[in-house]
């Protein structure tokens, strides 16, 4: 009786496409909207235009990008996108639970600052973002600048919360402007990633720190 002794053929799954441009775009757009509120640029007090984006673009889409980074064996990308995707979804649900059944009164703040919970929340994210900035120094200049500006954003917002500064005033406004700068750099980094990948060559530099 014949026996098939051939070893089974290993099937190698193709690598996933680079999810970083998606994760950066979701992060950038949502950060832009919330930072505009923190800087006092939104005309309508209590404007929550950023919350929907926090659930789905900065949140769900960015979190999915983090999971694809696991598939690509990118520890830094998986940690960054997974964490900040969860950050945006967590922040959005906090705001939704805060206002459910209680429509915002005219002149109410976009997001409340001051109080122990907010202070510790912002401090924890400032800490996380700072050590992620250190790790980013082995990626490229564009990503490192995103994390440097983001760390400064969280520190300013944390100090603003300590001083009970409302959106548009004090260090909370400073944090808003730093967040806007963070969003613009993140948009550029996303733009560079998707453009360079589509054209198959470097069109927009990201200034890598190490050779591929």
Foldseek 3Di string as FASTA:
>chain_A
DDDDPDDDDDDDDDQDDQLLLQQLLLQLVLLLVVLCQLLVNDPFAQDQPSLVSLQPRNAVSLLVSLVSVVSVVNPLSVVVSNVRNPVSNVVSVVVCVVCVVNPDDGPYHNDFAADDVNLVVLVVVLVVLVVSLVVCLQFFQLVNVLSVLLSQLSVLSNVCSNVRNTRNDGSSSVSSVSSNVSSVSSNLVSVQVVVCVVVVHGPDDRGHPDDD
